[in-house]
Every structure is written in C-alpha cells, then in structure tokens.
Amino acid sequence: MTLMVARPSLILNGQDSVLFRENLLELRIEDSLEGLCRLEATFSNWGNRQGQLGFLFRKQDVYFQTLVQVKLQDTVLFEGRVSALEAGFPEGAGPELTFLAEDALKDLRVQKKTRTFEHMSITDVVQQIARQNGLQAQVDAATDTRPLIMQLEQTDLGFLRDLALQTGAEIMFSAGKLYFQTRDRRSPQTLTLKVGTNVRDLTITADLANQVTGVEVHGWDVTGKQGVKESAGDSALGAELQADSAASILQALGLNRVKSLALPIQINATTARTQAQAEYRRVARSFVTLHGVTDPDPKLKVGNKIDLQAAGEGFSGTYSVTSTCFRFDSLYGARFEFTAQRPDFGGGF
C-alpha cells in the first residue's frame, strides 16, 4: 500500500518534535548497497519562539550526537545520530539550519587501521569487526578459510566494502543489524510499479559499453607452489538470468571481451573462483539500469525487488534496488528517487 503523507515526522532523542516538523523545508535520506545511510534536513530558522522573534533552534533542540529518527506514518525511514550542523543565510530568504546525520555504520568509517587476520574466513572476519563495533551481524558469504587477510590503512567500513567486492556480498544495515550477504541468500520483498500509474518519472538504459563476456582471475598459490587461473561467465548469475545477457548479445555480435584480474596476494583456486564470479556478477548486473521517481512505499528499500510493468518489450521485468533517496520539499512533497539493475534484456525487443 502506497503511503500518502504530507510530510515526515522527526523524532529527536525520543521526542516527536513539532518545531522541526512544522519548519522543515527540505529533507533527503540516501541509502545504497555500500552501507551507511545518510540524512540531510534543512529548516527555516527564524520566527516566533515563546513570544520572541529570532532564531528558532537552540542547542537543547539539536546538537552533535542527537539521536534522530524519521518516520512516514509507522514506517521508520532513518535512525542515526547528528554528525554536522550548518547555518545558512540564502539571498532573499530567511536564515536556515541544516543538520546531517548518519546511521550506526558511521563509527566504522572514522579510524583507519592496519592489521592481519590469519587462518580465518571472510565470514569470521566480518563477524569479528561487527562485534568490535558493538553491532549484531548476519553474514552469508564466503566461508572458506584463508591463510591471510589484510586490512591495510583502511577504515572498517572501507575494509568491509573491499571484502564485499571480493565475495560478491552486499552491505546493508537495518533494525540495528549489519547484513553482509550475497544476493542469492536474501529474501527480498517485491514492489510492483506500473508506468503511467504509480511511477512519476523513469529512465531505463541498456548499455553494452562496459560489459564483458567473461572474467579471469590470475594469481599464485604459495602453498601449492603453482599459478592459479579461474574464470566466470553467465552461469555465475544463476536464477537472476531470465533473458538475454550482455555476454550473449556480445557473442552474437562476434565480440569477445574478457576482463582479466591479476591478484597480488596469496590465493588458491577457491578464492580465485569466488572473486571471478563476484566480479562477473558485479559487471553483468549493471547491464540494464533504471532511474526512477515514485510515491513513498515501505517496500522500496535497498535490496528489495521491483516488478516493472508496462515499460515495453525488453524493459519490463524484475529489477533489484541498488540505491534509494527519499526526498521531501514544499514544492514536490514526499517521493522516492531510486536506482535498480538487472543483468538481462528481455521480452524479445
């Protein structure tokens, strides 16, 4: 059911703030598969407060580390803490106050570290990092034990993103829990969008420019004292592939594009195969990209799916949501801007 609400509610330190809600000028909440959800909210900061004309907001209203929650009806769109405050004095308008907030993953991006993890799986490493940052984690990714995993001058969040690239996992944070999962391990909800009905704006691009017909990973197995070479193609996509892949179209055109990766770290055949498949899926999934705007709906979340209808042959079908941006302003009201992807071009276009 689509939510039709005039404006979102803002709850600061557990209190529903009428002052913030009534003076809200613009609000933006951004989320993606890289983790770390961000909020930016701007308010009119001039008016009558307790019988006196002047600046509306005080330190006791909002400050660094103030807990902020944004809701549409009963749906929580954001929960995090204030990390920045900004005063604005635009020409021809009254003073403004803007605050920026981030979810709990912000603590993972603050400090760079150098350390090693010996004889551990990536699943073990992610669980350890989550515990050290006071987070619960659900990890469904590579479980093979690796002789050495290195974090070199990276924040914990940057390191997790690198591990996600290596294994094909995606990072999400929801309801106080860190999720580090490959796409086939999730149980996404599906939102039906129909062009001309509940879609405000839509652009879909099928682009072969950066697509490949395969991925090869090369490296050296120190234990086995031999070179390693593993490859990946369309079979890595599994059930995601429902129509013509970019690789099949390129091959039909007589084009062979193999991406080659040489890894400078110690690997074995299992590690190389996992990374080859992860990289192939990453590239292939960007073949068809959707940019859209629709009314707010609780199902429109990063990681969920969209069943797009009435978009024409080739473009209608199932997409995975990769980023969202909830926006509110006085001109256009509340809406979701989003991107979604699919690895195939279907429908016999």
Protein backbone atom coordinates (compact mmCIF):
# COMPACT_ATOMS: atom_id res chain seq x y z
CA MET A 1 0.00 0.00 0.00
CA THR A 2 1.45 3.37 -1.03
CA LEU A 3 1.95 5.91 1.73
CA MET A 4 0.35 9.29 1.05
CA VAL A 5 1.57 11.67 3.75
CA ALA A 6 2.02 15.45 3.70
CA ARG A 7 5.35 15.46 5.49
CA PRO A 8 7.56 13.13 7.53
CA SER A 9 7.77 13.13 11.32
CA LEU A 10 11.08 13.88 13.05
CA ILE A 11 11.78 12.33 16.43
CA LEU A 12 14.80 13.73 18.28
CA ASN A 13 16.06 11.95 21.40
CA GLY A 14 12.81 10.02 21.56
CA GLN A 15 10.52 13.08 21.34
CA ASP A 16 8.28 13.88 18.36
CA SER A 17 9.37 17.43 17.50
CA VAL A 18 6.55 19.67 16.27
CA LEU A 19 9.03 22.56 15.94
CA PHE A 20 11.19 20.65 13.49
CA ARG A 21 8.27 19.15 11.59
CA GLU A 22 6.49 22.49 11.06
CA ASN A 23 9.64 24.31 9.93
CA LEU A 24 11.00 21.58 7.66
CA LEU A 25 11.98 22.97 4.25
CA GLU A 26 13.79 20.04 2.67
CA LEU A 27 14.85 16.54 3.67
CA ARG A 28 16.92 13.88 1.94
CA ILE A 29 17.75 10.31 3.05
CA GLU A 30 20.24 8.38 0.93
CA ASP A 31 20.95 4.65 1.14
CA SER A 32 22.84 2.16 -1.04
CA LEU A 33 24.33 -1.33 -1.12
CA GLU A 34 27.64 0.05 0.16
CA GLY A 35 26.11 0.63 3.58
CA LEU A 36 25.92 3.88 5.58
CA CYS A 37 22.55 5.62 5.31
CA ARG A 38 22.72 9.45 5.39
CA LEU A 39 20.21 12.14 6.31
CA GLU A 40 20.29 15.84 5.42
CA ALA A 41 17.48 18.06 6.72
CA THR A 42 17.04 21.83 6.31
CA PHE A 43 14.70 24.00 8.38
CA SER A 44 13.55 27.60 8.48
CA ASN A 45 15.41 29.13 11.43
CA TRP A 46 13.56 32.39 12.00
CA GLY A 47 10.26 33.02 13.72
CA ASN A 48 8.40 33.49 16.96
CA ARG A 49 9.54 31.31 19.85
CA GLN A 50 7.99 31.79 23.26
CA GLY A 51 6.86 35.28 22.35
CA GLN A 52 10.21 36.45 20.96
CA LEU A 53 11.14 36.92 17.30
CA GLY A 54 14.51 35.47 16.36
CA PHE A 55 16.36 32.24 15.68
CA LEU A 56 14.13 29.27 16.35
CA PHE A 57 16.52 26.49 17.25
CA ARG A 58 18.72 26.11 20.31
CA LYS A 59 21.45 23.74 21.45
CA GLN A 60 18.93 21.87 23.58
CA ASP A 61 16.87 21.15 20.44
CA VAL A 62 19.62 19.56 18.35
CA TYR A 63 23.33 19.07 18.84
CA PHE A 64 26.14 16.72 17.90
CA GLN A 65 25.19 13.07 18.51
CA THR A 66 21.49 13.87 18.93
CA LEU A 67 19.53 10.72 18.11
CA VAL A 68 17.28 11.32 15.08
CA GLN A 69 14.50 9.16 13.71
CA VAL A 70 12.47 9.95 10.60
CA LYS A 71 9.08 8.31 10.05
CA LEU A 72 6.35 8.24 7.46
CA GLN A 73 3.28 7.13 9.38
CA ASP A 74 4.56 3.97 11.14
CA THR A 75 7.42 3.31 8.74
CA VAL A 76 10.92 4.20 10.00
CA LEU A 77 12.94 5.66 7.13
CA PHE A 78 16.05 6.60 9.09
CA GLU A 79 17.64 6.26 12.50
CA GLY A 80 21.02 7.71 13.35
CA ARG A 81 22.90 10.49 15.09
CA VAL A 82 23.72 14.07 14.11
CA SER A 83 27.29 14.47 12.85
CA ALA A 84 27.24 18.04 11.44
CA LEU A 85 25.37 21.34 11.88
CA GLU A 86 25.20 24.09 9.28
CA ALA A 87 23.80 27.65 9.30
CA GLY A 88 22.57 29.09 6.00
CA PHE A 89 21.66 32.64 5.05
CA PRO A 90 20.39 32.46 1.45
CA GLU A 91 19.84 35.65 -0.52
CA GLY A 92 16.21 36.74 -0.45
CA ALA A 93 15.19 34.23 2.22
CA GLY A 94 15.33 33.83 5.96
CA PRO A 95 18.01 32.03 7.97
CA GLU A 96 18.17 28.24 7.72
CA LEU A 97 19.51 25.44 9.87
CA THR A 98 20.71 22.17 8.35
CA PHE A 99 21.81 19.08 10.18
CA LEU A 100 23.44 15.97 8.77
CA ALA A 101 23.14 12.54 10.37
CA GLU A 102 24.36 9.01 9.66
CA ASP A 103 23.28 5.58 10.85
CA ALA A 104 25.28 3.35 13.20
CA LEU A 105 27.77 2.35 10.48
CA LYS A 106 29.33 5.82 10.78
CA ASP A 107 31.56 4.56 13.59
CA LEU A 108 33.11 2.08 11.16
CA ARG A 109 34.39 4.82 8.84
CA VAL A 110 36.23 7.02 11.33
CA GLN A 111 39.57 5.33 12.09
CA LYS A 112 41.99 3.78 9.61
CA LYS A 113 43.64 0.54 10.73
CA THR A 114 46.35 -1.85 9.62
CA ARG A 115 46.05 -5.42 10.86
CA THR A 116 46.03 -9.04 9.74
CA PHE A 117 43.59 -11.93 10.18
CA GLU A 118 45.24 -15.33 9.97
CA HIS A 119 43.54 -18.64 9.15
CA MET A 120 40.07 -17.13 9.15
CA SER A 121 37.18 -17.00 6.68
CA ILE A 122 35.73 -13.72 5.48
CA THR A 123 32.59 -14.63 7.41
CA ASP A 124 34.68 -14.84 10.61
CA VAL A 125 36.37 -11.51 9.87
CA VAL A 126 33.10 -9.67 9.29
CA GLN A 127 31.62 -11.11 12.49
CA GLN A 128 34.69 -10.01 14.46
CA ILE A 129 34.57 -6.47 13.08
CA ALA A 130 30.86 -6.22 13.89
CA ARG A 131 31.42 -7.37 17.48
CA GLN A 132 34.28 -4.92 17.97
CA ASN A 133 31.95 -2.11 16.91
CA GLY A 134 29.09 -3.25 19.14
CA LEU A 135 26.91 -4.48 16.26
CA GLN A 136 25.00 -7.65 15.58
CA ALA A 137 25.69 -9.13 12.15
CA GLN A 138 24.14 -11.63 9.79
CA VAL A 139 26.80 -12.89 7.42
CA ASP A 140 26.08 -15.16 4.46
CA ALA A 141 29.15 -15.09 2.24
CA ALA A 142 32.42 -16.95 1.63
CA THR A 143 33.18 -19.49 4.37
CA ASP A 144 36.49 -20.91 3.08
CA THR A 145 39.42 -20.44 5.47
CA ARG A 146 42.14 -18.16 4.11
CA PRO A 147 45.76 -18.17 5.30
CA LEU A 148 45.95 -14.39 5.49
CA ILE A 149 43.51 -11.48 5.14
CA MET A 150 45.00 -7.98 5.44
CA GLN A 151 43.44 -4.65 6.35
CA LEU A 152 45.92 -2.00 5.16
CA GLU A 153 45.33 1.64 6.17
CA GLN A 154 41.59 1.21 5.79
CA THR A 155 38.60 2.08 7.91
CA ASP A 156 36.49 -0.87 8.99
CA LEU A 157 33.75 0.21 6.59
CA GLY A 158 36.19 0.57 3.69
CA PHE A 159 37.61 -2.85 4.51
CA LEU A 160 34.14 -4.43 4.61
CA ARG A 161 33.41 -2.90 1.20
CA ASP A 162 36.58 -4.47 -0.20
CA LEU A 163 35.63 -7.85 1.25
CA ALA A 164 32.17 -7.45 -0.26
CA LEU A 165 33.71 -6.88 -3.71
CA GLN A 166 35.86 -10.00 -3.33
CA THR A 167 32.95 -12.24 -2.39
CA GLY A 168 30.00 -10.65 -4.20
CA ALA A 169 28.34 -9.70 -0.92
CA GLU A 170 26.29 -6.56 -0.37
CA ILE A 171 26.22 -4.44 2.79
CA MET A 172 23.02 -3.27 4.44
CA PHE A 173 22.08 -2.02 7.88
CA SER A 174 18.55 -2.44 9.16
CA ALA A 175 16.86 -2.55 12.57
CA GLY A 176 20.18 -2.38 14.38
CA LYS A 177 21.80 -5.26 12.47
CA LEU A 178 24.60 -5.34 9.89
CA TYR A 179 23.84 -7.58 6.90
CA PHE A 180 26.72 -8.88 4.78
CA GLN A 181 25.11 -11.21 2.27
CA THR A 182 25.29 -12.37 -1.32
CA ARG A 183 22.14 -11.58 -3.27
CA ASP A 184 21.00 -15.20 -3.52
CA ARG A 185 20.94 -15.51 0.30
CA ARG A 186 18.45 -12.68 0.84
CA SER A 187 14.65 -12.87 0.98
CA PRO A 188 13.64 -9.60 -0.67
CA GLN A 189 10.16 -8.14 -0.92
CA THR A 190 8.79 -7.16 -4.34
CA LEU A 191 7.15 -3.84 -5.19
CA THR A 192 5.04 -3.64 -8.34
CA LEU A 193 5.48 -0.43 -10.34
CA LYS A 194 3.43 0.30 -13.46
CA VAL A 195 4.33 3.03 -15.92
CA GLY A 196 1.52 5.58 -16.05
CA THR A 197 0.10 4.50 -12.69
CA ASN A 198 2.48 4.81 -9.73
CA VAL A 199 5.67 5.99 -11.45
CA ARG A 200 6.36 9.73 -11.59
CA ASP A 201 9.46 9.59 -13.76
CA LEU A 202 11.50 6.76 -15.27
CA THR A 203 14.60 6.27 -17.42
CA ILE A 204 15.95 2.82 -18.31
CA THR A 205 19.28 2.30 -20.05
CA ALA A 206 20.63 -0.96 -21.51
CA ASP A 207 24.32 -0.29 -22.15
CA LEU A 208 26.90 -2.72 -23.59
CA ALA A 209 29.82 -0.28 -23.29
CA ASN A 210 31.34 -1.72 -20.11
CA GLN A 211 30.03 -5.27 -20.40
CA VAL A 212 32.22 -8.36 -20.77
CA THR A 213 31.84 -11.94 -21.96
CA GLY A 214 33.82 -13.34 -19.06
CA VAL A 215 36.17 -12.64 -16.14
CA GLU A 216 39.50 -14.34 -15.45
CA VAL A 217 41.39 -14.17 -12.16
CA HIS A 218 45.12 -14.98 -12.03
CA GLY A 219 47.38 -15.37 -9.01
CA TRP A 220 49.89 -17.52 -7.17
CA ASP A 221 49.17 -20.28 -4.68
CA VAL A 222 52.11 -20.17 -2.24
CA THR A 223 51.11 -23.41 -0.50
CA GLY A 224 50.70 -25.35 -3.74
CA LYS A 225 53.62 -23.51 -5.37
CA GLN A 226 51.73 -23.05 -8.62
CA GLY A 227 49.86 -20.47 -10.61
CA VAL A 228 46.11 -20.18 -10.28
CA LYS A 229 43.63 -19.23 -13.00
CA GLU A 230 39.85 -19.28 -12.61
CA SER A 231 37.12 -17.85 -14.83
CA ALA A 232 33.44 -16.93 -14.62
CA GLY A 233 30.62 -16.30 -17.07
CA ASP A 234 26.83 -16.26 -17.27
CA SER A 235 26.47 -19.35 -15.09
CA ALA A 236 27.57 -17.21 -12.11
CA LEU A 237 24.26 -15.33 -12.37
CA GLY A 238 22.16 -18.41 -11.68
CA ALA A 239 18.42 -17.73 -11.45
CA GLU A 240 18.93 -13.97 -11.89
CA LEU A 241 19.31 -14.51 -15.63
CA GLN A 242 15.87 -14.69 -17.25
CA ALA A 243 16.52 -13.31 -20.75
CA ASP A 244 19.40 -12.20 -23.00
CA SER A 245 22.56 -11.39 -21.06
CA ALA A 246 25.04 -8.76 -22.21
CA ALA A 247 27.59 -11.54 -22.79
CA SER A 248 25.24 -13.50 -25.09
CA ILE A 249 24.47 -10.35 -27.09
CA LEU A 250 28.18 -9.50 -27.41
CA GLN A 251 28.98 -13.03 -28.55
CA ALA A 252 26.16 -12.96 -31.10
CA LEU A 253 27.76 -9.78 -32.48
CA GLY A 254 31.12 -11.55 -32.75
CA LEU A 255 32.65 -9.61 -29.85
CA ASN A 256 34.79 -11.28 -27.19
CA ARG A 257 35.62 -9.18 -24.14
CA VAL A 258 37.31 -11.00 -21.27
CA LYS A 259 38.26 -8.99 -18.20
CA SER A 260 41.49 -10.18 -16.59
CA LEU A 261 42.39 -9.57 -12.94
CA ALA A 262 45.87 -10.29 -11.56
CA LEU A 263 45.79 -10.55 -7.76
CA PRO A 264 48.99 -9.52 -5.88
CA ILE A 265 48.01 -11.52 -2.78
CA GLN A 266 48.27 -15.22 -1.97
CA ILE A 267 45.25 -17.11 -3.32
CA ASN A 268 44.05 -20.61 -4.04
CA ALA A 269 41.60 -21.97 -6.60
CA THR A 270 38.56 -21.47 -4.34
CA THR A 271 39.44 -17.85 -3.57
CA ALA A 272 40.12 -17.09 -7.23
CA ARG A 273 36.86 -18.71 -8.35
CA THR A 274 34.86 -16.76 -5.75
CA GLN A 275 36.40 -13.47 -6.83
CA ALA A 276 35.95 -14.19 -10.55
CA GLN A 277 32.26 -14.95 -10.01
CA ALA A 278 31.81 -11.88 -7.80
CA GLU A 279 33.37 -9.55 -10.36
CA TYR A 280 31.40 -11.06 -13.23
CA ARG A 281 28.13 -10.61 -11.35
CA ARG A 282 29.02 -7.03 -10.43
CA VAL A 283 29.64 -6.08 -14.06
CA ALA A 284 26.74 -8.08 -15.53
CA ARG A 285 24.18 -6.67 -13.11
CA SER A 286 24.87 -3.14 -14.37
CA PHE A 287 23.80 -4.03 -17.93
CA VAL A 288 20.27 -2.58 -17.59
CA THR A 289 19.96 0.34 -15.16
CA LEU A 290 16.76 2.04 -14.07
CA HIS A 291 16.48 5.54 -12.58
CA GLY A 292 13.02 6.35 -11.29
CA VAL A 293 10.84 8.52 -9.08
CA THR A 294 7.74 7.18 -7.34
CA ASP A 295 5.49 7.84 -4.36
CA PRO A 296 6.84 6.65 -0.99
CA ASP A 297 6.28 2.96 -0.29
CA PRO A 298 7.74 0.86 2.57
CA LYS A 299 8.77 -1.87 0.12
CA LEU A 300 11.05 0.48 -1.80
CA LYS A 301 14.21 -0.38 0.10
CA VAL A 302 17.74 -1.17 -0.96
CA GLY A 303 18.00 -4.90 -1.64
CA ASN A 304 14.33 -5.39 -2.48
CA LYS A 305 12.97 -6.07 -5.98
CA ILE A 306 10.79 -4.14 -8.41
CA ASP A 307 8.36 -5.78 -10.80
CA LEU A 308 8.21 -3.14 -13.53
CA GLN A 309 5.17 -3.34 -15.78
CA ALA A 310 4.03 -1.52 -18.96
CA ALA A 311 7.57 -0.34 -19.79
CA GLY A 312 7.64 -2.05 -23.19
CA GLU A 313 9.39 -5.11 -24.56
CA GLY A 314 12.90 -5.51 -23.24
CA PHE A 315 12.45 -3.05 -20.40
CA SER A 316 9.61 -4.54 -18.34
CA GLY A 317 10.64 -7.17 -15.79
CA THR A 318 12.30 -7.68 -12.43
CA TYR A 319 14.94 -5.29 -11.11
CA SER A 320 16.97 -5.22 -7.88
CA VAL A 321 17.03 -1.90 -6.00
CA THR A 322 20.61 -0.69 -5.51
CA SER A 323 20.09 2.81 -4.08
CA THR A 324 17.28 4.98 -2.76
CA CYS A 325 16.88 8.65 -1.96
CA PHE A 326 13.79 9.70 -0.03
CA ARG A 327 13.15 13.38 -0.63
CA PHE A 328 10.73 15.90 0.78
CA ASP A 329 10.27 19.57 -0.06
CA SER A 330 7.40 22.02 -0.16
CA LEU A 331 7.22 22.04 -3.98
CA TYR A 332 7.03 18.31 -4.83
CA GLY A 333 6.16 16.80 -1.46
CA ALA A 334 7.40 13.33 -0.48
CA ARG A 335 8.79 10.92 -3.07
CA PHE A 336 11.43 8.24 -3.60
CA GLU A 337 14.19 8.55 -6.17
CA PHE A 338 15.84 5.20 -6.80
CA THR A 339 18.13 3.16 -9.00
CA ALA A 340 17.74 -0.52 -9.82
CA GLN A 341 19.54 -3.01 -12.03
CA ARG A 342 19.09 -6.24 -13.91
CA PRO A 343 21.59 -8.44 -15.82
CA ASP A 344 19.44 -9.17 -18.86
CA PHE A 345 17.42 -7.51 -21.62
CA GLY A 346 14.22 -9.44 -22.13
CA GLY A 347 10.87 -9.53 -23.82
CA GLY A 348 12.01 -10.01 -27.42
CA PHE A 349 12.67 -6.32 -28.10
